[in-house]
Amino acid sequence: MTTINESQTAKGYTPAALVPAAFGRPRTIDGIVIHHWGVFGQRHDDVVKFFVSGPGATSAHFVVSAGRIDCLVSPQDAAWHSGNAVGNATTIGIECHPEATDADYATVAELVSFLRSQYGPLPLSPHRQWNATACPGIWDLPKIDRLAGSAAIAPQSAVKSQTPAPVKGSDKMLIISQTKGDPAIWIGDGISRRQIPDLKTLEDYRKLARWGVLTIYKGGETMDYPPAVLGAVVSGK
C-alpha cells in the first residue's frame, strides 16, 4: 500500500476560512484536477522542494509518482494549482510524474480511489480544462478512472510506512508534525491537516476522533508515544 507523507507544507495556499474572500466563493471539494510536472526527467523530491521552498506562487495538494504520495496542502484548503479561481476553490490538485508509467498510474489511481472514499465520486478533469496549457501531457484520465474503480486498488491513508498500527480499540492515528525552527504544530490523519494552538485543542481532537497512537515527526526523526502521554508538551520533546 502506498502511504501518504504529509510532513511538509507548500509555501503558497489559501486556508479554507479565507477562500471566500480570495476566490469569491466558499471552499468546496467537487472534483480532482490532474497535472503533470512538465518535462521528463524531473525528480519527485525536487518538485516537492519547489512547492515547499520555492517562490510560493503555485502549489498542489498532492505530488505523486510510483509508490510515493506527498500531501503538501490539506484538501480542506485551496492549493494554487489550476490557474483559475473557481478551479482552486472547488478542486483537489494532483501533480503527477510526467512519464506516466504503469507504476505511476497505479499510485495515482490509489490516491484517487482514497479521495473518493473520503469526499464522494469526484470527477477527474485535466489542467487544460481550467487554463490554457498542455498539462497534464500524456496522462490518460479515463485510464485513471478505470484503475481507481478496480478492486485491486485498496485506498489507505498513513503518513510514514514505519508508522505503527493504531492500538486496539482505536480507529485512527494522530500525527503531530513539527519542523526544526518552526513553532507551528500540526495534526493530521493522513489526508487532512490542521494547526493546533494549544494542548486543550490537541486533547479535544484526540477525544473527538478517538485517536489511539501519537506519532511525533520532528526534524526528520520519528518518535512513537503511547496514548497515556497524549497530553504531553509536544514542542519540548
Protein backbone atom coordinates (compact mmCIF):
# COMPACT_ATOMS: atom_id res chain seq x y z
CA MET A 1 0.00 0.00 0.00
CA THR A 2 1.24 3.47 -0.80
CA THR A 3 1.45 5.75 2.22
CA ILE A 4 0.76 9.47 2.26
CA ASN A 5 3.59 11.65 3.56
CA GLU A 6 2.31 14.97 4.92
CA SER A 7 5.47 16.03 6.76
CA GLN A 8 5.94 19.11 4.54
CA THR A 9 3.65 22.01 3.62
CA ALA A 10 3.57 24.09 0.45
CA LYS A 11 4.54 27.71 0.82
CA GLY A 12 1.57 29.10 -1.09
CA TYR A 13 -2.06 28.11 -0.48
CA THR A 14 -5.30 29.61 0.87
CA PRO A 15 -6.74 28.30 4.16
CA ALA A 16 -10.39 27.27 3.85
CA ALA A 17 -11.59 30.16 6.02
CA LEU A 18 -10.02 32.69 3.65
CA VAL A 19 -11.25 31.12 0.39
CA PRO A 20 -14.49 33.20 0.17
CA ALA A 21 -12.53 36.46 0.33
CA ALA A 22 -9.83 35.22 -2.06
CA PHE A 23 -11.98 33.46 -4.67
CA GLY A 24 -15.50 34.82 -4.16
CA ARG A 25 -16.97 31.51 -3.03
CA PRO A 26 -16.53 29.03 -0.16
CA ARG A 27 -14.14 26.12 -0.35
CA THR A 28 -15.87 23.01 -1.70
CA ILE A 29 -14.45 19.74 -3.00
CA ASP A 30 -16.23 18.99 -6.25
CA GLY A 31 -13.55 17.38 -8.38
CA ILE A 32 -9.92 16.39 -8.91
CA VAL A 33 -7.59 18.11 -11.37
CA ILE A 34 -4.79 16.03 -12.89
CA HIS A 35 -1.49 17.81 -13.61
CA HIS A 36 1.96 16.71 -14.70
CA TRP A 37 5.34 18.16 -13.77
CA GLY A 38 6.21 19.24 -17.31
CA VAL A 39 9.36 17.94 -19.00
CA PHE A 40 10.55 14.37 -18.50
CA GLY A 41 13.42 13.60 -16.16
CA GLN A 42 12.43 15.67 -13.12
CA ARG A 43 12.78 14.15 -9.66
CA HIS A 44 9.87 13.76 -7.25
CA ASP A 45 11.81 15.31 -4.37
CA ASP A 46 12.78 18.34 -6.45
CA VAL A 47 9.13 19.00 -7.30
CA VAL A 48 8.18 18.79 -3.63
CA LYS A 49 11.06 21.11 -2.72
CA PHE A 50 9.89 23.65 -5.32
CA PHE A 51 6.43 23.85 -3.78
CA VAL A 52 7.76 23.92 -0.21
CA SER A 53 10.77 26.21 -0.59
CA GLY A 54 10.35 27.90 -3.98
CA PRO A 55 8.66 31.22 -4.82
CA GLY A 56 5.33 30.11 -3.37
CA ALA A 57 3.32 31.31 -6.36
CA THR A 58 1.89 27.86 -7.15
CA SER A 59 1.15 24.70 -5.21
CA ALA A 60 -0.67 21.39 -5.34
CA HIS A 61 -2.46 19.27 -2.79
CA PHE A 62 -0.51 16.16 -3.78
CA VAL A 63 2.69 15.25 -5.63
CA VAL A 64 2.63 11.65 -6.88
CA SER A 65 4.97 9.22 -8.59
CA ALA A 66 5.34 5.43 -8.50
CA GLY A 67 4.99 4.33 -4.89
CA ARG A 68 5.15 7.87 -3.47
CA ILE A 69 2.47 10.36 -2.40
CA ASP A 70 3.26 13.70 -0.73
CA CYS A 71 0.38 15.79 0.63
CA LEU A 72 1.56 19.41 0.69
CA VAL A 73 -1.81 21.15 1.14
CA SER A 74 -4.76 19.71 3.03
CA PRO A 75 -7.73 19.03 0.71
CA GLN A 76 -9.76 21.17 3.10
CA ASP A 77 -7.70 24.18 1.97
CA ALA A 78 -7.23 25.61 -1.54
CA ALA A 79 -3.99 24.93 -3.37
CA TRP A 80 -2.95 27.33 -6.15
CA HIS A 81 -2.88 24.75 -8.91
CA SER A 82 -5.48 25.36 -11.61
CA GLY A 83 -4.76 28.91 -12.75
CA ASN A 84 -8.47 29.57 -12.26
CA ALA A 85 -10.28 30.97 -9.20
CA VAL A 86 -13.18 28.52 -9.46
CA GLY A 87 -10.82 25.59 -10.02
CA ASN A 88 -8.73 26.48 -7.00
CA ALA A 89 -11.79 26.94 -4.79
CA THR A 90 -13.55 23.71 -5.79
CA THR A 91 -10.98 21.05 -6.69
CA ILE A 92 -8.07 18.97 -5.42
CA GLY A 93 -4.89 19.23 -7.50
CA ILE A 94 -2.64 16.20 -8.08
CA GLU A 95 0.79 16.73 -9.66
CA CYS A 96 1.82 13.54 -11.47
CA HIS A 97 5.11 12.14 -12.78
CA PRO A 98 5.11 13.21 -16.45
CA GLU A 99 6.44 9.90 -17.77
CA ALA A 100 3.15 8.25 -16.71
CA THR A 101 4.49 4.72 -16.21
CA ASP A 102 2.24 1.85 -15.20
CA ALA A 103 3.51 2.19 -11.64
CA ASP A 104 2.73 5.93 -11.71
CA TYR A 105 -0.82 5.17 -12.86
CA ALA A 106 -1.29 2.61 -10.08
CA THR A 107 -0.26 5.09 -7.38
CA VAL A 108 -2.31 7.99 -8.76
CA ALA A 109 -5.33 5.68 -9.08
CA GLU A 110 -4.90 4.54 -5.49
CA LEU A 111 -4.92 8.16 -4.32
CA VAL A 112 -7.97 8.99 -6.45
CA SER A 113 -9.76 5.96 -5.02
CA PHE A 114 -8.91 7.07 -1.50
CA LEU A 115 -10.05 10.65 -2.09
CA ARG A 116 -13.35 9.40 -3.48
CA SER A 117 -13.81 7.26 -0.39
CA GLN A 118 -13.49 10.45 1.67
CA TYR A 119 -15.32 13.03 -0.49
CA GLY A 120 -17.62 11.09 -2.79
CA PRO A 121 -17.41 10.25 -6.53
CA LEU A 122 -15.24 13.20 -7.55
CA PRO A 123 -14.87 13.59 -11.33
CA LEU A 124 -11.44 14.00 -12.90
CA SER A 125 -10.53 16.92 -15.13
CA PRO A 126 -7.28 17.83 -16.91
CA HIS A 127 -5.48 21.03 -16.01
CA ARG A 128 -6.05 22.30 -19.54
CA GLN A 129 -9.79 22.40 -18.84
CA TRP A 130 -9.16 25.22 -16.36
CA ASN A 131 -6.33 27.11 -18.05
CA ALA A 132 -4.59 27.33 -21.44
CA THR A 133 -1.86 24.72 -21.01
CA ALA A 134 -0.60 21.41 -22.37
CA CYS A 135 -0.86 19.94 -18.87
CA PRO A 136 -1.31 17.06 -18.00
CA GLY A 137 0.68 15.91 -21.02
CA ILE A 138 0.27 12.23 -21.86
CA TRP A 139 -1.80 11.34 -18.81
CA ASP A 140 -4.96 9.39 -19.72
CA LEU A 141 -7.77 10.34 -17.32
CA PRO A 142 -10.20 7.54 -18.37
CA LYS A 143 -7.40 5.07 -17.56
CA ILE A 144 -7.03 6.59 -14.07
CA ASP A 145 -10.81 6.26 -13.65
CA ARG A 146 -10.73 2.59 -14.64
CA LEU A 147 -7.87 1.78 -12.30
CA ALA A 148 -9.38 3.75 -9.42
CA GLY A 149 -12.54 1.68 -9.72
CA SER A 150 -10.67 -1.61 -9.76
CA ALA A 151 -10.90 -3.98 -6.82
CA ALA A 152 -7.09 -4.14 -6.96
CA ILE A 153 -6.90 -0.56 -5.69
CA ALA A 154 -7.37 -0.53 -1.92
CA PRO A 155 -7.20 3.04 -0.60
CA GLN A 156 -5.25 3.63 2.55
CA SER A 157 -4.07 6.69 4.45
CA ALA A 158 -0.97 6.89 6.57
CA VAL A 159 1.93 9.28 6.82
CA LYS A 160 5.03 7.13 7.02
CA SER A 161 5.49 3.47 6.22
CA GLN A 162 7.04 3.00 9.66
CA THR A 163 4.01 4.47 11.44
CA PRO A 164 2.69 1.87 13.92
CA ALA A 165 -0.83 0.49 13.66
CA PRO A 166 -3.42 2.07 15.96
CA VAL A 167 -3.74 0.43 19.35
CA LYS A 168 -6.64 -1.94 19.92
CA GLY A 169 -9.88 -0.09 20.43
CA SER A 170 -8.92 2.98 18.37
CA ASP A 171 -9.74 3.65 14.73
CA LYS A 172 -7.35 6.41 13.73
CA MET A 173 -3.83 7.66 14.23
CA LEU A 174 -2.84 11.06 15.48
CA ILE A 175 0.09 12.62 13.69
CA ILE A 176 1.95 15.56 15.18
CA SER A 177 4.29 17.28 12.74
CA GLN A 178 6.84 19.90 13.70
CA THR A 179 9.83 21.04 11.63
CA LYS A 180 13.05 22.26 13.18
CA GLY A 181 12.92 26.02 13.74
CA ASP A 182 9.20 26.14 13.01
CA PRO A 183 6.96 26.79 16.05
CA ALA A 184 3.85 25.58 14.22
CA ILE A 185 2.45 22.24 15.31
CA TRP A 186 0.06 20.35 13.02
CA ILE A 187 -2.18 17.35 13.44
CA GLY A 188 -3.40 15.08 10.69
CA ASP A 189 -4.69 11.60 9.93
CA GLY A 190 -3.01 11.18 6.56
CA ILE A 191 -5.41 13.19 4.44
CA SER A 192 -6.33 16.39 6.25
CA ARG A 193 -4.21 18.63 8.41
CA ARG A 194 -4.93 21.31 10.98
CA GLN A 195 -2.73 23.54 13.10
CA ILE A 196 -3.23 23.22 16.86
CA PRO A 197 -2.76 26.32 19.03
CA ASP A 198 -2.63 24.66 22.45
CA LEU A 199 -2.77 21.39 24.36
CA LYS A 200 -6.51 21.69 25.05
CA THR A 201 -7.18 21.67 21.31
CA LEU A 202 -4.96 18.62 20.99
CA GLU A 203 -6.92 16.83 23.68
CA ASP A 204 -10.25 17.86 22.11
CA TYR A 205 -9.18 16.40 18.77
CA ARG A 206 -7.98 13.22 20.46
CA LYS A 207 -11.33 12.65 22.15
CA LEU A 208 -13.37 13.61 19.08
CA ALA A 209 -11.57 11.30 16.66
CA ARG A 210 -10.66 8.58 19.17
CA TRP A 211 -7.02 8.63 18.14
CA GLY A 212 -5.01 5.99 19.93
CA VAL A 213 -1.41 6.35 18.78
CA LEU A 214 0.58 9.56 18.93
CA THR A 215 3.46 9.87 16.50
CA ILE A 216 5.66 12.95 16.54
CA TYR A 217 7.67 13.92 13.47
CA LYS A 218 10.32 16.44 14.33
CA GLY A 219 13.41 17.30 12.31
CA GLY A 220 13.06 14.19 10.19
CA GLU A 221 13.05 11.82 13.19
CA THR A 222 10.08 9.76 14.30
CA MET A 223 9.19 9.15 17.95
CA ASP A 224 6.25 6.98 18.99
CA TYR A 225 4.35 7.56 22.22
CA PRO A 226 1.58 5.55 23.89
CA PRO A 227 -1.87 7.08 24.43
CA ALA A 228 -1.04 7.81 28.08
CA VAL A 229 1.18 10.74 27.10
CA LEU A 230 -1.21 12.40 24.67
CA GLY A 231 -1.30 15.46 26.93
CA ALA A 232 2.48 15.90 26.95
CA VAL A 233 4.11 19.11 25.68
CA VAL A 234 4.96 18.30 22.09
CA SER A 235 7.43 21.10 21.37
CA GLY A 236 9.63 20.14 24.30
CA LYS A 237 10.30 16.62 23.09
